[in-house]
Amino acid sequence: MPRVPVVLAALIAAVLAFGAAAPAGADEIGRPIRLFPLIRSAEAKSAKETQPAAQKLDLNTASEQELDTLPGVGPILARKIVDGRPYHRKDELVRRKILPQSAYDAIKDRVVAHRTSQAGLPAGR
């Protein structure tokens, strides 16, 4: 019977020791715990939607390496995008069967398709 208090005391000491290792509001390796991840996602989404066009990749001028950094686009799809140039609209990627709809949905807020000049004429002529 005297072993029960010793084991119980050791168990309590272990719980207190390991519980104090991570600060409150952190996981077991010390990263902060997001209490409201859905709210954080909404904030990130609205920030992404307001991203200026200057930071978006232009489908007509981006390198294969730059296109490869987009989610869902690997080196093969990046090559297909480059080979399919020029684009007048970014949704041509799906219409011309260069990207599947799911891949397009993942990148559509990160790319633009500025019109390119042909035969040295400015765009729009």
Protein backbone atom coordinates (compact mmCIF):
# COMPACT_ATOMS: atom_id res chain seq x y z
CA MET A 1 0.00 0.00 0.00
CA PRO A 2 2.82 2.53 0.60
CA ARG A 3 3.75 2.26 -3.13
CA VAL A 4 0.55 3.97 -4.29
CA PRO A 5 1.41 7.43 -2.86
CA VAL A 6 4.96 7.20 -4.26
CA VAL A 7 3.73 6.25 -7.74
CA LEU A 8 1.01 8.90 -7.58
CA ALA A 9 3.53 11.56 -6.51
CA ALA A 10 5.88 10.55 -9.36
CA LEU A 11 3.03 10.73 -11.85
CA ILE A 12 1.97 14.18 -10.66
CA ALA A 13 5.58 15.40 -10.77
CA ALA A 14 5.97 14.11 -14.35
CA VAL A 15 2.76 15.80 -15.50
CA LEU A 16 3.79 19.08 -13.94
CA ALA A 17 7.29 18.89 -15.38
CA PHE A 18 6.15 18.16 -18.94
CA GLY A 19 3.20 20.52 -18.73
CA ALA A 20 5.46 23.42 -17.78
CA ALA A 21 7.82 22.79 -20.73
CA ALA A 22 5.53 24.44 -23.26
CA PRO A 23 4.13 27.89 -22.58
CA ALA A 24 0.37 28.32 -22.37
CA GLY A 25 -1.13 28.58 -25.83
CA ALA A 26 1.62 26.49 -27.46
CA ASP A 27 1.78 22.93 -28.71
CA GLU A 28 4.27 20.32 -27.52
CA ILE A 29 7.13 21.81 -29.53
CA GLY A 30 6.44 25.42 -28.62
CA ARG A 31 4.54 26.65 -31.71
CA PRO A 32 1.62 28.96 -30.95
CA ILE A 33 -1.79 27.32 -31.08
CA ARG A 34 -4.35 29.11 -33.23
CA LEU A 35 -7.53 29.19 -31.25
CA PHE A 36 -9.60 30.40 -34.19
CA PRO A 37 -8.01 28.97 -37.38
CA LEU A 38 -11.06 29.69 -39.54
CA ILE A 39 -10.92 33.38 -38.73
CA ARG A 40 -7.21 33.39 -39.54
CA SER A 41 -7.92 31.68 -42.89
CA ALA A 42 -10.54 34.29 -43.74
CA GLU A 43 -8.06 37.07 -42.96
CA ALA A 44 -5.41 35.43 -45.14
CA LYS A 45 -7.91 34.90 -47.96
CA SER A 46 -9.03 38.54 -47.93
CA ALA A 47 -5.38 39.65 -47.88
CA LYS A 48 -4.67 37.41 -50.88
CA GLU A 49 -7.65 38.81 -52.78
CA THR A 50 -6.36 42.35 -52.31
CA GLN A 51 -2.87 41.43 -53.49
CA PRO A 52 -1.74 44.06 -56.01
CA ALA A 53 -1.29 43.02 -59.62
CA ALA A 54 2.39 44.00 -59.46
CA GLN A 55 3.06 40.99 -57.23
CA LYS A 56 1.15 38.58 -59.47
CA LEU A 57 2.96 36.54 -62.08
CA ASP A 58 2.32 37.48 -65.70
CA LEU A 59 1.59 34.33 -67.68
CA ASN A 60 3.17 35.90 -70.78
CA THR A 61 6.49 36.89 -69.23
CA ALA A 62 7.11 34.67 -66.17
CA SER A 63 9.92 32.14 -66.41
CA GLU A 64 9.32 28.41 -66.04
CA GLN A 65 11.00 28.56 -62.63
CA GLU A 66 8.63 31.30 -61.47
CA LEU A 67 5.59 29.41 -62.75
CA ASP A 68 6.85 26.25 -61.04
CA THR A 69 6.51 28.01 -57.66
CA LEU A 70 2.72 28.28 -58.05
CA PRO A 71 0.63 25.72 -56.14
CA GLY A 72 -0.32 22.73 -58.27
CA VAL A 73 2.05 23.73 -61.08
CA GLY A 74 5.16 21.63 -61.48
CA PRO A 75 7.86 21.75 -64.13
CA ILE A 76 5.73 19.95 -66.73
CA LEU A 77 2.74 22.30 -66.41
CA ALA A 78 5.07 25.29 -66.27
CA ARG A 79 6.55 24.18 -69.60
CA LYS A 80 3.03 23.79 -71.08
CA ILE A 81 2.12 27.31 -69.92
CA VAL A 82 5.24 28.77 -71.55
CA ASP A 83 4.65 26.79 -74.76
CA GLY A 84 1.05 28.03 -74.97
CA ARG A 85 1.92 31.72 -75.00
CA PRO A 86 0.61 34.34 -75.64
CA TYR A 87 -2.47 34.57 -73.43
CA HIS A 88 -5.03 37.35 -73.61
CA ARG A 89 -6.88 36.18 -70.50
CA LYS A 90 -5.75 33.95 -67.67
CA ASP A 91 -8.81 31.69 -68.01
CA GLU A 92 -7.44 30.57 -71.38
CA LEU A 93 -5.32 28.11 -69.39
CA VAL A 94 -8.44 25.99 -68.84
CA ARG A 95 -10.23 26.79 -72.10
CA ARG A 96 -7.18 25.71 -74.13
CA LYS A 97 -6.73 22.63 -71.89
CA ILE A 98 -3.31 23.66 -70.62
CA LEU A 99 -4.35 23.34 -66.95
CA PRO A 100 -7.14 21.36 -65.32
CA GLN A 101 -9.81 23.44 -63.57
CA SER A 102 -8.55 22.44 -60.12
CA ALA A 103 -5.02 23.69 -60.84
CA TYR A 104 -6.40 26.90 -62.35
CA ASP A 105 -8.56 27.51 -59.26
CA ALA A 106 -5.44 27.23 -57.09
CA ILE A 107 -3.48 29.87 -59.05
CA LYS A 108 -6.07 32.23 -60.53
CA ASP A 109 -5.60 34.83 -57.78
CA ARG A 110 -1.81 34.78 -58.24
CA VAL A 111 -1.50 35.29 -61.99
CA VAL A 112 -2.41 37.84 -64.66
CA ALA A 113 -2.26 37.78 -68.44
CA HIS A 114 -1.11 41.17 -69.70
CA ARG A 115 -1.50 41.52 -73.41
CA THR A 116 1.72 41.30 -75.36
CA SER A 117 2.62 43.34 -78.40
CA GLN A 118 2.88 41.54 -81.71
CA ALA A 119 5.28 42.56 -84.47
CA GLY A 120 6.51 45.54 -82.46
CA LEU A 121 3.09 47.18 -82.14
CA PRO A 122 1.90 48.33 -78.72
CA ALA A 123 -0.72 46.21 -77.04
CA GLY A 124 -4.33 47.09 -77.89
CA ARG A 125 -3.81 48.02 -81.57
